[in-house]
Amino acid sequence: MQNNTFTIQATYHPNHWEPIENAEYETLADAEAGMEDLEQNLGWRDMRIVDETGHVWTYGEEGEEEEGA
C-alpha cells in the first residue's frame, strides 16, 4: 500500500488554492487536526485537504462575508 501525503491548502482568491507552508501530514487524521487547529486558534477559513494526486478529501469552515462596519 502506498503512503499518501496530505496537504492543507488555502484559497485567497476564488478557485485559486495554494499549499500552506509546513502543512503536510502523513495521515488524513493528522491533517484534519492541523486544519482544525488553524481554524480554532488563528481563525483561518477557506481551507481544504488534498493528497498528492490532487484528490480533495475535505473542506474546512467557510469564511463569512463582512457587511458594513
Protein backbone atom coordinates (compact mmCIF):
# COMPACT_ATOMS: atom_id res chain seq x y z
CA MET A 1 0.00 0.00 0.00
CA GLN A 2 1.34 3.42 -0.99
CA ASN A 3 1.64 6.12 1.66
CA ASN A 4 -0.18 9.36 0.94
CA THR A 5 0.85 12.84 1.90
CA PHE A 6 -1.99 15.14 2.90
CA THR A 7 -1.56 18.88 2.46
CA ILE A 8 -3.68 21.74 3.77
CA GLN A 9 -4.35 24.36 1.11
CA ALA A 10 -5.95 27.78 1.44
CA THR A 11 -7.76 29.90 -1.12
CA TYR A 12 -7.03 33.60 -1.20
CA HIS A 13 -8.89 34.18 -4.46
CA PRO A 14 -11.87 32.17 -5.79
CA ASN A 15 -10.75 28.80 -7.20
CA HIS A 16 -7.04 29.53 -6.63
CA TRP A 17 -5.70 27.13 -4.00
CA GLU A 18 -2.19 27.33 -2.54
CA PRO A 19 -0.48 24.98 -0.07
CA ILE A 20 0.08 26.35 3.42
CA GLU A 21 3.72 26.32 4.50
CA ASN A 22 4.61 23.46 6.88
CA ALA A 23 1.16 21.87 6.49
CA GLU A 24 1.99 18.41 5.11
CA TYR A 25 0.90 15.33 7.07
CA GLU A 26 1.29 11.58 6.73
CA THR A 27 -2.30 10.79 7.75
CA LEU A 28 -5.66 12.34 6.98
CA ALA A 29 -6.45 12.43 10.71
CA ASP A 30 -3.31 14.49 11.40
CA ALA A 31 -4.16 16.87 8.55
CA GLU A 32 -7.71 17.30 9.86
CA ALA A 33 -6.37 18.05 13.34
CA GLY A 34 -3.93 20.58 11.86
CA MET A 35 -6.69 22.30 9.90
CA GLU A 36 -8.95 22.41 12.96
CA ASP A 37 -6.10 23.96 14.95
CA LEU A 38 -5.68 26.71 12.32
CA GLU A 39 -9.43 27.36 12.36
CA GLN A 40 -9.78 27.43 16.15
CA ASN A 41 -6.57 29.16 17.21
CA LEU A 42 -5.90 31.52 14.29
CA GLY A 43 -9.41 31.99 12.89
CA TRP A 44 -8.36 30.81 9.42
CA ARG A 45 -11.12 29.83 6.97
CA ASP A 46 -11.45 28.64 3.37
CA MET A 47 -9.06 25.67 3.55
CA ARG A 48 -9.12 22.13 2.22
CA ILE A 49 -7.08 18.95 2.48
CA VAL A 50 -5.73 17.28 -0.66
CA ASP A 51 -3.43 14.33 -1.30
CA GLU A 52 -0.51 14.25 -3.73
CA THR A 53 -2.81 13.21 -6.59
CA GLY A 54 -4.92 16.34 -6.09
CA HIS A 55 -7.90 14.47 -4.65
CA VAL A 56 -9.81 16.70 -2.23
CA TRP A 57 -10.58 14.84 0.99
CA THR A 58 -12.38 17.53 2.96
CA TYR A 59 -13.09 21.24 3.16
CA GLY A 60 -12.79 23.36 6.28
CA GLU A 61 -15.05 26.13 7.51
CA GLU A 62 -16.00 28.81 5.03
CA GLY A 63 -15.18 32.45 5.64
CA GLU A 64 -18.00 34.83 6.38
CA GLU A 65 -18.61 37.90 4.27
CA GLU A 66 -18.43 41.04 6.37
CA GLU A 67 -21.14 43.59 5.69
CA GLY A 68 -20.91 47.21 6.86
CA ALA A 69 -18.77 48.03 9.84
